Structure formats: C-alpha cells, structure tokens
Amino acid sequence: MSSAQEERAILFFLLHLPIFYYTIILTGRCGMRDFLNIVKALLLVFTVALYLSSADEYIFFILFVLGYISLNLLPGLPIKHRAVIAVIHTCNIVLIWSAFLINPVIMLLYPIALFEFTALFDRPVYYNIVVWIPLFLLPSELYLLFGLITALSFMLFYLYQKWSKLSTQSEQEIDALKQKLRMNADYENQIRIMAALDTKNRISQEIHDKLGHTITGSVVQLEAAKVIAEQNPKDTVKIIDNVTKVMREGFLDIRALLKDEKPTAQTYNMEKL
C-alpha cells in the first residue's frame, strides 16, 4: 500500500468514527460497549488490509486473527469474575506482542487492547505510559499511524470511563429510589394498619359505652318494674315501654355508628387498586 493510500485510509477511518458514534450511541441503538467492539473490528480490518499489502505469509496471520477475534468475543459472555476477564485481556495483549514478531503492523491493535485492560480496573487511561513503548520498536513509517490510533484509543476509553461512571451512578440512584419507594410503601401500609386499629378501637369503645349504659339502665328499670308490678301495673307498663324505647334507640345509634364507618364502594375499589 502506497503512502497516499495509507493517508486516505487513515482519513476515512478517522472521519467515519464520529458518524458511527452519532448513529450508534446517540440514537440509542446500542451501548458504549458495542461501539468499542465496532471500533476494534474496524481496526482489525484496517490492520488486515495493511498486512496483506506488505506480507506474503498468511498462515500465522490467519491464526492470529482467529485468536484475536476469539479473545475479544469472550468478554461479551456473562462472566462475573473480573479476574477471569483480566486474564482474557492479558492473553490478548500477549497475543499481539507475539504477532508483532511476525509483522510490526499488528502492533496497531495494541493501544486499544491496553486501554481496555486498564479500564477494567477503573484506572485513568492517562497513566498508560507503557502504551508508547512500541514506538521504540516500530519502523518509522508506522509512527504517525500508531500515534493517531493511540490518541484515538485514548479519547475513546476516556469517554468509555466517563460513560461507565455515569451509568454506575444512574444505577445506584435508581436502586436508591426503588429502596425509598419500598420504604414509603411499607410506611404507608403501617399507617393504614394503625388507622384501621384506631378505628376499630374507637368503634369498640363507643359500642361498649352506648350498649353498656343502655343495658345497665334497662336492667335497673326492669328490676324496679318487677318490684312494683303487683302494686302499680300502670307504672310497670310505662317502665317497660321506656326500657323498650331506650333499647331501640341504643341499637339504632349502634347501627348508625357502624354505617358511618363502613367504607363506600369507591373507597373499597381504590383500596383494592
């Protein structure tokens, strides 16, 4: 590949990354992690194109590509242990350095692999000074290309770390809100239960007062009626009528009390909801 072709390929790659970022991230079609995978795939295609233009032996390179793809697909699996993922990224870096002995072009995949490894431990990407070590080993014609890809990887993983931090904070805030909602729901249930108990106690007390006083007074009057029944039948009848009236009024008061405390159909339906 000529120098002009390399420059056009670099410009094409760099100019299309913002387009990919806008269409994929900002439109919500996939997450930042998917965007990283797309960038790594583009870098791999670009590296393959450079390798094929400058090499005659393809067997080892095919094995490298298969190994690189496999190692970059593994972190997408549901692996919970960070140590296992760290081992996978370490194997990926070792694979790139091993393939570097075959062709220096493969080292173009090193920056993004190193930044991905350090991002796993939540370390700021600007601490990765070791990413510039290959500059002392690469041929001079790859300096500019390696520098551009390193700068691109740096910016990409800086955004990735910011996105991960915001995503973690959002998840924590959502969990806190859910916990607060659960606590509020429990508090409302306790208030509802306490209100029901207070209402029950108040009704019981009012029934006890009304019914107790009514029955006590009626019993006293009936006892008096029994004493004077033979001597004054007319007064006895009046006493019995008065007791009947008082008992009726007492039961009517109790009915009215229970009717007032009975929830309406609308309130009952709202409670069910």
C-alpha atoms as a PDB file:
ATOM      1  CA  MET A   1       0.000   0.000   0.000  1.00  0.00           C
ATOM      2  CA  SER A   2       1.412   3.391  -1.017  1.00  0.00           C
ATOM      3  CA  SER A   3       1.818   6.364   1.286  1.00  0.00           C
ATOM      4  CA  ALA A   4      -1.100   8.194  -0.364  1.00  0.00           C
ATOM      5  CA  GLN A   5      -3.329   5.151   0.025  1.00  0.00           C
ATOM      6  CA  GLU A   6      -2.395   4.872   3.700  1.00  0.00           C
ATOM      7  CA  GLU A   7      -3.238   8.536   4.278  1.00  0.00           C
ATOM      8  CA  ARG A   8      -6.631   8.138   2.553  1.00  0.00           C
ATOM      9  CA  ALA A   9      -7.338   5.019   4.645  1.00  0.00           C
ATOM     10  CA  ILE A  10      -6.452   6.859   7.879  1.00  0.00           C
ATOM     11  CA  LEU A  11      -8.639   9.842   6.978  1.00  0.00           C
ATOM     12  CA  PHE A  12     -11.526   7.543   6.041  1.00  0.00           C
ATOM     13  CA  PHE A  13     -11.226   5.718   9.353  1.00  0.00           C
ATOM     14  CA  LEU A  14     -10.998   8.861  11.499  1.00  0.00           C
ATOM     15  CA  LEU A  15     -13.747  10.772   9.682  1.00  0.00           C
ATOM     16  CA  HIS A  16     -16.232   7.923   9.925  1.00  0.00           C
ATOM     17  CA  LEU A  17     -15.796   7.313  13.662  1.00  0.00           C
ATOM     18  CA  PRO A  18     -17.907  10.375  14.680  1.00  0.00           C
ATOM     19  CA  ILE A  19     -20.604   9.191  12.274  1.00  0.00           C
ATOM     20  CA  PHE A  20     -20.583   5.731  13.867  1.00  0.00           C
ATOM     21  CA  TYR A  21     -20.656   7.327  17.328  1.00  0.00           C
ATOM     22  CA  TYR A  22     -23.654   9.509  16.474  1.00  0.00           C
ATOM     23  CA  THR A  23     -25.720   6.831  14.757  1.00  0.00           C
ATOM     24  CA  ILE A  24     -24.989   4.094  17.313  1.00  0.00           C
ATOM     25  CA  ILE A  25     -24.652   5.809  20.701  1.00  0.00           C
ATOM     26  CA  LEU A  26     -26.757   8.947  20.398  1.00  0.00           C
ATOM     27  CA  THR A  27     -29.629   7.188  18.648  1.00  0.00           C
ATOM     28  CA  GLY A  28     -29.689   4.593  21.430  1.00  0.00           C
ATOM     29  CA  ARG A  29     -29.344   1.572  19.146  1.00  0.00           C
ATOM     30  CA  CYS A  30     -26.585   0.070  21.245  1.00  0.00           C
ATOM     31  CA  GLY A  31     -24.370   0.880  24.188  1.00  0.00           C
ATOM     32  CA  MET A  32     -20.864   2.215  24.504  1.00  0.00           C
ATOM     33  CA  ARG A  33     -19.551  -1.342  24.819  1.00  0.00           C
ATOM     34  CA  ASP A  34     -20.977  -2.231  21.397  1.00  0.00           C
ATOM     35  CA  PHE A  35     -19.374   0.874  19.936  1.00  0.00           C
ATOM     36  CA  LEU A  36     -15.981  -0.257  21.287  1.00  0.00           C
ATOM     37  CA  ASN A  37     -16.445  -3.630  19.629  1.00  0.00           C
ATOM     38  CA  ILE A  38     -17.223  -1.925  16.326  1.00  0.00           C
ATOM     39  CA  VAL A  39     -14.096   0.223  16.617  1.00  0.00           C
ATOM     40  CA  LYS A  40     -11.967  -2.845  17.355  1.00  0.00           C
ATOM     41  CA  ALA A  41     -13.472  -4.602  14.350  1.00  0.00           C
ATOM     42  CA  LEU A  42     -12.655  -1.627  12.121  1.00  0.00           C
ATOM     43  CA  LEU A  43      -9.119  -1.522  13.474  1.00  0.00           C
ATOM     44  CA  LEU A  44      -8.740  -5.233  12.797  1.00  0.00           C
ATOM     45  CA  VAL A  45      -9.974  -4.807   9.207  1.00  0.00           C
ATOM     46  CA  PHE A  46      -7.615  -1.882   8.724  1.00  0.00           C
ATOM     47  CA  THR A  47      -4.682  -3.887  10.131  1.00  0.00           C
ATOM     48  CA  VAL A  48      -5.526  -6.861   7.932  1.00  0.00           C
ATOM     49  CA  ALA A  49      -5.533  -4.600   4.875  1.00  0.00           C
ATOM     50  CA  LEU A  50      -2.112  -3.194   5.775  1.00  0.00           C
ATOM     51  CA  TYR A  51      -0.721  -6.654   6.485  1.00  0.00           C
ATOM     52  CA  LEU A  52      -1.975  -8.143   3.246  1.00  0.00           C
ATOM     53  CA  SER A  53      -0.338  -5.313   1.308  1.00  0.00           C
ATOM     54  CA  SER A  54       3.072  -5.924   2.846  1.00  0.00           C
ATOM     55  CA  ALA A  55       3.366  -9.676   3.559  1.00  0.00           C
ATOM     56  CA  ASP A  56       3.479 -12.930   1.661  1.00  0.00           C
ATOM     57  CA  GLU A  57       2.976 -15.420   4.535  1.00  0.00           C
ATOM     58  CA  TYR A  58      -0.607 -15.648   5.714  1.00  0.00           C
ATOM     59  CA  ILE A  59      -0.867 -18.828   7.794  1.00  0.00           C
ATOM     60  CA  PHE A  60       0.369 -17.340  11.068  1.00  0.00           C
ATOM     61  CA  PHE A  61      -1.591 -14.181  10.468  1.00  0.00           C
ATOM     62  CA  ILE A  62      -4.822 -16.146   9.938  1.00  0.00           C
ATOM     63  CA  LEU A  63      -4.192 -17.951  13.222  1.00  0.00           C
ATOM     64  CA  PHE A  64      -3.597 -14.598  14.902  1.00  0.00           C
ATOM     65  CA  VAL A  65      -6.835 -13.132  13.537  1.00  0.00           C
ATOM     66  CA  LEU A  66      -8.813 -16.150  14.737  1.00  0.00           C
ATOM     67  CA  GLY A  67      -7.225 -15.939  18.185  1.00  0.00           C
ATOM     68  CA  TYR A  68      -7.744 -12.167  18.382  1.00  0.00           C
ATOM     69  CA  ILE A  69     -11.420 -12.437  17.453  1.00  0.00           C
ATOM     70  CA  SER A  70     -11.972 -15.249  19.943  1.00  0.00           C
ATOM     71  CA  LEU A  71     -10.328 -13.372  22.812  1.00  0.00           C
ATOM     72  CA  ASN A  72     -12.327 -10.228  22.067  1.00  0.00           C
ATOM     73  CA  LEU A  73     -15.605 -12.140  21.963  1.00  0.00           C
ATOM     74  CA  LEU A  74     -15.071 -13.824  25.337  1.00  0.00           C
ATOM     75  CA  PRO A  75     -15.553 -10.669  27.489  1.00  0.00           C
ATOM     76  CA  GLY A  76     -19.035 -10.363  25.987  1.00  0.00           C
ATOM     77  CA  LEU A  77     -20.057 -13.605  27.691  1.00  0.00           C
ATOM     78  CA  PRO A  78     -21.805 -13.435  31.094  1.00  0.00           C
ATOM     79  CA  ILE A  79     -18.571 -13.705  33.110  1.00  0.00           C
ATOM     80  CA  LYS A  80     -18.923 -12.273  36.612  1.00  0.00           C
ATOM     81  CA  HIS A  81     -15.357 -12.666  37.900  1.00  0.00           C
ATOM     82  CA  ARG A  82     -13.191  -9.684  36.981  1.00  0.00           C
ATOM     83  CA  ALA A  83     -10.041 -11.790  37.361  1.00  0.00           C
ATOM     84  CA  VAL A  84     -11.160 -14.084  34.521  1.00  0.00           C
ATOM     85  CA  ILE A  85     -11.799 -11.108  32.243  1.00  0.00           C
ATOM     86  CA  ALA A  86      -8.391  -9.668  33.209  1.00  0.00           C
ATOM     87  CA  VAL A  87      -6.728 -12.953  32.198  1.00  0.00           C
ATOM     88  CA  ILE A  88      -8.534 -12.811  28.822  1.00  0.00           C
ATOM     89  CA  HIS A  89      -7.313  -9.261  28.157  1.00  0.00           C
ATOM     90  CA  THR A  90      -3.797 -10.222  29.250  1.00  0.00           C
ATOM     91  CA  CYS A  91      -3.803 -13.117  26.759  1.00  0.00           C
ATOM     92  CA  ASN A  92      -4.980 -10.677  24.096  1.00  0.00           C
ATOM     93  CA  ILE A  93      -2.031  -8.335  24.777  1.00  0.00           C
ATOM     94  CA  VAL A  94       0.424 -11.246  24.816  1.00  0.00           C
ATOM     95  CA  LEU A  95      -1.007 -12.454  21.511  1.00  0.00           C
ATOM     96  CA  ILE A  96      -0.491  -9.024  19.932  1.00  0.00           C
ATOM     97  CA  TRP A  97       3.110  -8.816  21.140  1.00  0.00           C
ATOM     98  CA  SER A  98       3.768 -12.343  19.850  1.00  0.00           C
ATOM     99  CA  ALA A  99       2.337 -11.498  16.451  1.00  0.00           C
ATOM    100  CA  PHE A 100       4.417  -8.323  16.428  1.00  0.00           C
ATOM    101  CA  LEU A 101       7.417 -10.565  15.823  1.00  0.00           C
ATOM    102  CA  ILE A 102       5.758 -11.649  12.582  1.00  0.00           C
ATOM    103  CA  ASN A 103       4.774  -8.212  11.321  1.00  0.00           C
ATOM    104  CA  PRO A 104       5.008  -4.787  13.064  1.00  0.00           C
ATOM    105  CA  VAL A 105       1.661  -3.705  11.589  1.00  0.00           C
ATOM    106  CA  ILE A 106      -0.144  -5.886  14.137  1.00  0.00           C
ATOM    107  CA  MET A 107       1.067  -3.561  16.911  1.00  0.00           C
ATOM    108  CA  LEU A 108      -1.600  -1.088  15.757  1.00  0.00           C
ATOM    109  CA  LEU A 109      -4.068  -3.203  17.760  1.00  0.00           C
ATOM    110  CA  TYR A 110      -2.022  -2.811  20.948  1.00  0.00           C
ATOM    111  CA  PRO A 111      -3.216   0.632  22.209  1.00  0.00           C
ATOM    112  CA  ILE A 112      -6.911  -0.202  22.335  1.00  0.00           C
ATOM    113  CA  ALA A 113      -6.153  -3.591  23.917  1.00  0.00           C
ATOM    114  CA  LEU A 114      -4.036  -1.985  26.646  1.00  0.00           C
ATOM    115  CA  PHE A 115      -6.565   0.749  27.377  1.00  0.00           C
ATOM    116  CA  GLU A 116      -9.327  -1.858  27.603  1.00  0.00           C
ATOM    117  CA  PHE A 117      -7.251  -3.847  30.103  1.00  0.00           C
ATOM    118  CA  THR A 118      -6.541  -0.840  32.338  1.00  0.00           C
ATOM    119  CA  ALA A 119     -10.159   0.362  32.118  1.00  0.00           C
ATOM    120  CA  LEU A 120     -11.145  -2.957  33.677  1.00  0.00           C
ATOM    121  CA  PHE A 121      -9.510  -1.791  36.921  1.00  0.00           C
ATOM    122  CA  ASP A 122     -11.017   1.710  36.763  1.00  0.00           C
ATOM    123  CA  ARG A 123      -7.619   3.329  36.282  1.00  0.00           C
ATOM    124  CA  PRO A 124      -7.433   6.635  34.356  1.00  0.00           C
ATOM    125  CA  VAL A 125      -6.165   5.993  30.865  1.00  0.00           C
ATOM    126  CA  TYR A 126      -3.563   8.782  31.030  1.00  0.00           C
ATOM    127  CA  TYR A 127      -1.486   6.568  33.357  1.00  0.00           C
ATOM    128  CA  ASN A 128      -0.797   4.178  30.492  1.00  0.00           C
ATOM    129  CA  ILE A 129       2.630   5.484  29.595  1.00  0.00           C
ATOM    130  CA  VAL A 130       3.636   1.969  28.560  1.00  0.00           C
ATOM    131  CA  VAL A 131       1.401   2.317  25.517  1.00  0.00           C
ATOM    132  CA  TRP A 132       4.196   4.313  23.851  1.00  0.00           C
ATOM    133  CA  ILE A 133       6.832   1.586  24.272  1.00  0.00           C
ATOM    134  CA  PRO A 134       6.208   0.146  20.759  1.00  0.00           C
ATOM    135  CA  LEU A 135       7.371   3.450  19.263  1.00  0.00           C
ATOM    136  CA  PHE A 136      10.947   2.364  20.022  1.00  0.00           C
ATOM    137  CA  LEU A 137      10.369  -0.894  18.134  1.00  0.00           C
ATOM    138  CA  LEU A 138       8.209   0.107  15.188  1.00  0.00           C
ATOM    139  CA  PRO A 139       9.570   1.165  11.805  1.00  0.00           C
ATOM    140  CA  SER A 140       9.459   4.899  11.195  1.00  0.00           C
ATOM    141  CA  GLU A 141       6.705   4.704   8.565  1.00  0.00           C
ATOM    142  CA  LEU A 142       4.269   3.457  11.261  1.00  0.00           C
ATOM    143  CA  TYR A 143       4.982   6.234  13.794  1.00  0.00           C
ATOM    144  CA  LEU A 144       2.235   8.577  12.589  1.00  0.00           C
ATOM    145  CA  LEU A 145      -0.327   5.809  12.198  1.00  0.00           C
ATOM    146  CA  PHE A 146       0.464   4.350  15.627  1.00  0.00           C
ATOM    147  CA  GLY A 147       0.269   7.801  17.237  1.00  0.00           C
ATOM    148  CA  LEU A 148      -3.113   8.548  15.658  1.00  0.00           C
ATOM    149  CA  ILE A 149      -4.570   5.209  16.712  1.00  0.00           C
ATOM    150  CA  THR A 150      -3.179   5.634  20.242  1.00  0.00           C
ATOM    151  CA  ALA A 151      -4.712   9.104  20.528  1.00  0.00           C
ATOM    152  CA  LEU A 152      -7.998   7.771  19.179  1.00  0.00           C
ATOM    153  CA  SER A 153      -7.969   4.872  21.656  1.00  0.00           C
ATOM    154  CA  PHE A 154      -7.146   7.275  24.487  1.00  0.00           C
ATOM    155  CA  MET A 155     -10.128   9.513  23.694  1.00  0.00           C
ATOM    156  CA  LEU A 156     -12.390   6.525  23.169  1.00  0.00           C
ATOM    157  CA  PHE A 157     -11.647   4.941  26.527  1.00  0.00           C
ATOM    158  CA  TYR A 158     -11.737   8.290  28.279  1.00  0.00           C
ATOM    159  CA  LEU A 159     -15.313   8.611  27.046  1.00  0.00           C
ATOM    160  CA  TYR A 160     -15.927   4.974  27.979  1.00  0.00           C
ATOM    161  CA  GLN A 161     -14.801   5.567  31.566  1.00  0.00           C
ATOM    162  CA  LYS A 162     -16.970   8.671  31.838  1.00  0.00           C
ATOM    163  CA  TRP A 163     -19.924   6.738  30.448  1.00  0.00           C
ATOM    164  CA  SER A 164     -19.308   3.818  32.830  1.00  0.00           C
ATOM    165  CA  LYS A 165     -19.134   6.190  35.806  1.00  0.00           C
ATOM    166  CA  LEU A 166     -22.375   7.914  34.821  1.00  0.00           C
ATOM    167  CA  SER A 167     -24.037   4.560  34.175  1.00  0.00           C
ATOM    168  CA  THR A 168     -22.973   3.268  37.606  1.00  0.00           C
ATOM    169  CA  GLN A 169     -24.210   6.448  39.304  1.00  0.00           C
ATOM    170  CA  SER A 170     -27.530   6.190  37.472  1.00  0.00           C
ATOM    171  CA  GLU A 171     -27.956   2.575  38.543  1.00  0.00           C
ATOM    172  CA  GLN A 172     -27.156   3.487  42.147  1.00  0.00           C
ATOM    173  CA  GLU A 173     -29.647   6.360  42.077  1.00  0.00           C
ATOM    174  CA  ILE A 174     -32.303   4.086  40.599  1.00  0.00           C
ATOM    175  CA  ASP A 175     -31.655   1.462  43.298  1.00  0.00           C
ATOM    176  CA  ALA A 176     -31.846   4.159  45.991  1.00  0.00           C
ATOM    177  CA  LEU A 177     -35.151   5.428  44.586  1.00  0.00           C
ATOM    178  CA  LYS A 178     -36.541   1.889  44.476  1.00  0.00           C
ATOM    179  CA  GLN A 179     -35.487   1.350  48.085  1.00  0.00           C
ATOM    180  CA  LYS A 180     -37.069   4.658  49.073  1.00  0.00           C
ATOM    181  CA  LEU A 181     -40.289   3.714  47.290  1.00  0.00           C
ATOM    182  CA  ARG A 182     -40.350   0.360  49.092  1.00  0.00           C
ATOM    183  CA  MET A 183     -39.795   2.099  52.427  1.00  0.00           C
ATOM    184  CA  ASN A 184     -42.556   4.609  51.673  1.00  0.00           C
ATOM    185  CA  ALA A 185     -44.896   1.790  50.693  1.00  0.00           C
ATOM    186  CA  ASP A 186     -44.126  -0.043  53.949  1.00  0.00           C
ATOM    187  CA  TYR A 187     -44.642   3.184  55.903  1.00  0.00           C
ATOM    188  CA  GLU A 188     -47.975   3.792  54.192  1.00  0.00           C
ATOM    189  CA  ASN A 189     -49.052   0.224  54.949  1.00  0.00           C
ATOM    190  CA  GLN A 190     -48.132   0.696  58.611  1.00  0.00           C
ATOM    191  CA  ILE A 191     -50.075   3.973  58.755  1.00  0.00           C
ATOM    192  CA  ARG A 192     -53.071   2.262  57.125  1.00  0.00           C
ATOM    193  CA  ILE A 193     -52.921  -0.600  59.626  1.00  0.00           C
ATOM    194  CA  MET A 194     -52.580   1.775  62.581  1.00  0.00           C
ATOM    195  CA  ALA A 195     -55.524   3.826  61.326  1.00  0.00           C
ATOM    196  CA  ALA A 196     -57.622   0.670  60.972  1.00  0.00           C
ATOM    197  CA  LEU A 197     -56.713  -0.400  64.517  1.00  0.00           C
ATOM    198  CA  ASP A 198     -57.525   3.054  65.889  1.00  0.00           C
ATOM    199  CA  THR A 199     -60.890   2.985  64.116  1.00  0.00           C
ATOM    200  CA  LYS A 200     -61.617  -0.494  65.437  1.00  0.00           C
ATOM    201  CA  ASN A 201     -60.727   0.520  68.993  1.00  0.00           C
ATOM    202  CA  ARG A 202     -62.830   3.678  68.775  1.00  0.00           C
ATOM    203  CA  ILE A 203     -65.863   1.779  67.456  1.00  0.00           C
ATOM    204  CA  SER A 204     -65.462  -0.876  70.132  1.00  0.00           C
ATOM    205  CA  GLN A 205     -65.265   1.789  72.823  1.00  0.00           C
ATOM    206  CA  GLU A 206     -68.325   3.640  71.524  1.00  0.00           C
ATOM    207  CA  ILE A 207     -70.338   0.411  71.224  1.00  0.00           C
ATOM    208  CA  HIS A 208     -69.268  -0.549  74.731  1.00  0.00           C
ATOM    209  CA  ASP A 209     -70.276   2.845  76.115  1.00  0.00           C
ATOM    210  CA  LYS A 210     -73.610   3.081  74.333  1.00  0.00           C
ATOM    211  CA  LEU A 211     -74.643  -0.547  74.689  1.00  0.00           C
ATOM    212  CA  GLY A 212     -73.284  -0.877  78.209  1.00  0.00           C
ATOM    213  CA  HIS A 213     -75.053   2.209  79.503  1.00  0.00           C
ATOM    214  CA  THR A 214     -78.256   1.277  77.731  1.00  0.00           C
ATOM    215  CA  ILE A 215     -78.311  -2.276  79.041  1.00  0.00           C
ATOM    216  CA  THR A 216     -77.314  -1.211  82.572  1.00  0.00           C
ATOM    217  CA  GLY A 217     -80.062   1.401  82.730  1.00  0.00           C
ATOM    218  CA  SER A 218     -82.591  -1.012  81.268  1.00  0.00           C
ATOM    219  CA  VAL A 219     -81.728  -3.728  83.777  1.00  0.00           C
ATOM    220  CA  VAL A 220     -82.185  -1.274  86.688  1.00  0.00           C
ATOM    221  CA  GLN A 221     -85.551  -0.152  85.352  1.00  0.00           C
ATOM    222  CA  LEU A 222     -86.721  -3.727  84.786  1.00  0.00           C
ATOM    223  CA  GLU A 223     -85.727  -4.630  88.331  1.00  0.00           C
ATOM    224  CA  ALA A 224     -87.784  -1.685  89.589  1.00  0.00           C
ATOM    225  CA  ALA A 225     -90.704  -2.721  87.368  1.00  0.00           C
ATOM    226  CA  LYS A 226     -90.586  -6.225  88.849  1.00  0.00           C
ATOM    227  CA  VAL A 227     -90.839  -4.792  92.374  1.00  0.00           C
ATOM    228  CA  ILE A 228     -93.840  -2.541  91.668  1.00  0.00           C
ATOM    229  CA  ALA A 229     -95.561  -4.850  89.159  1.00  0.00           C
ATOM    230  CA  GLU A 230     -98.183  -6.114  91.574  1.00  0.00           C
ATOM    231  CA  GLN A 231     -98.822  -2.789  93.316  1.00  0.00           C
ATOM    232  CA  ASN A 232     -98.815  -0.445  90.305  1.00  0.00           C
ATOM    233  CA  PRO A 233     -99.288  -2.230  86.967  1.00  0.00           C
ATOM    234  CA  LYS A 234     -99.650   1.050  85.034  1.00  0.00           C
ATOM    235  CA  ASP A 235     -96.242   2.312  86.146  1.00  0.00           C
ATOM    236  CA  THR A 236     -94.800  -1.067  85.310  1.00  0.00           C
ATOM    237  CA  VAL A 237     -96.080  -0.790  81.742  1.00  0.00           C
ATOM    238  CA  LYS A 238     -94.603   2.709  81.443  1.00  0.00           C
ATOM    239  CA  ILE A 239     -91.260   1.462  82.706  1.00  0.00           C
ATOM    240  CA  ILE A 240     -91.283  -1.426  80.216  1.00  0.00           C
ATOM    241  CA  ASP A 241     -92.203   0.956  77.373  1.00  0.00           C
ATOM    242  CA  ASN A 242     -89.389   3.297  78.408  1.00  0.00           C
ATOM    243  CA  VAL A 243     -86.909   0.416  78.527  1.00  0.00           C
ATOM    244  CA  THR A 244     -88.031  -0.734  75.078  1.00  0.00           C
ATOM    245  CA  LYS A 245     -87.622   2.805  73.731  1.00  0.00           C
ATOM    246  CA  VAL A 246     -84.171   3.196  75.252  1.00  0.00           C
ATOM    247  CA  MET A 247     -83.028  -0.209  73.917  1.00  0.00           C
ATOM    248  CA  ARG A 248     -84.345   0.623  70.456  1.00  0.00           C
ATOM    249  CA  GLU A 249     -82.593   3.986  70.433  1.00  0.00           C
ATOM    250  CA  GLY A 250     -79.368   2.350  71.615  1.00  0.00           C
ATOM    251  CA  PHE A 251     -79.424  -0.209  68.823  1.00  0.00           C
ATOM    252  CA  LEU A 252     -80.276   2.492  66.269  1.00  0.00           C
ATOM    253  CA  ASP A 253     -77.288   4.521  67.464  1.00  0.00           C
ATOM    254  CA  ILE A 254     -75.026   1.488  67.086  1.00  0.00           C
ATOM    255  CA  ARG A 255     -76.354   0.819  63.568  1.00  0.00           C
ATOM    256  CA  ALA A 256     -75.742   4.438  62.597  1.00  0.00           C
ATOM    257  CA  LEU A 257     -72.220   4.281  64.008  1.00  0.00           C
ATOM    258  CA  LEU A 258     -71.356   1.137  62.040  1.00  0.00           C
ATOM    259  CA  LYS A 259     -72.954   2.543  58.898  1.00  0.00           C
ATOM    260  CA  ASP A 260     -70.852   5.720  59.117  1.00  0.00           C
ATOM    261  CA  GLU A 261     -67.619   3.709  59.495  1.00  0.00           C
ATOM    262  CA  LYS A 262     -68.380   1.329  56.611  1.00  0.00           C
ATOM    263  CA  PRO A 263     -66.227   2.249  53.544  1.00  0.00           C
ATOM    264  CA  THR A 264     -68.018   3.262  50.375  1.00  0.00           C
ATOM    265  CA  ALA A 265     -67.777   1.161  47.214  1.00  0.00           C
ATOM    266  CA  GLN A 266     -65.472   3.735  45.598  1.00  0.00           C
ATOM    267  CA  THR A 267     -63.126   3.745  48.599  1.00  0.00           C
ATOM    268  CA  TYR A 268     -63.108  -0.052  48.649  1.00  0.00           C
ATOM    269  CA  ASN A 269     -62.201  -0.237  44.956  1.00  0.00           C
ATOM    270  CA  MET A 270     -59.399   2.297  45.449  1.00  0.00           C
ATOM    271  CA  GLU A 271     -58.023   0.244  48.353  1.00  0.00           C
ATOM    272  CA  LYS A 272     -58.027  -2.853  46.140  1.00  0.00           C
ATOM    273  CA  LEU A 273     -56.088  -0.973  43.458  1.00  0.00           C
END
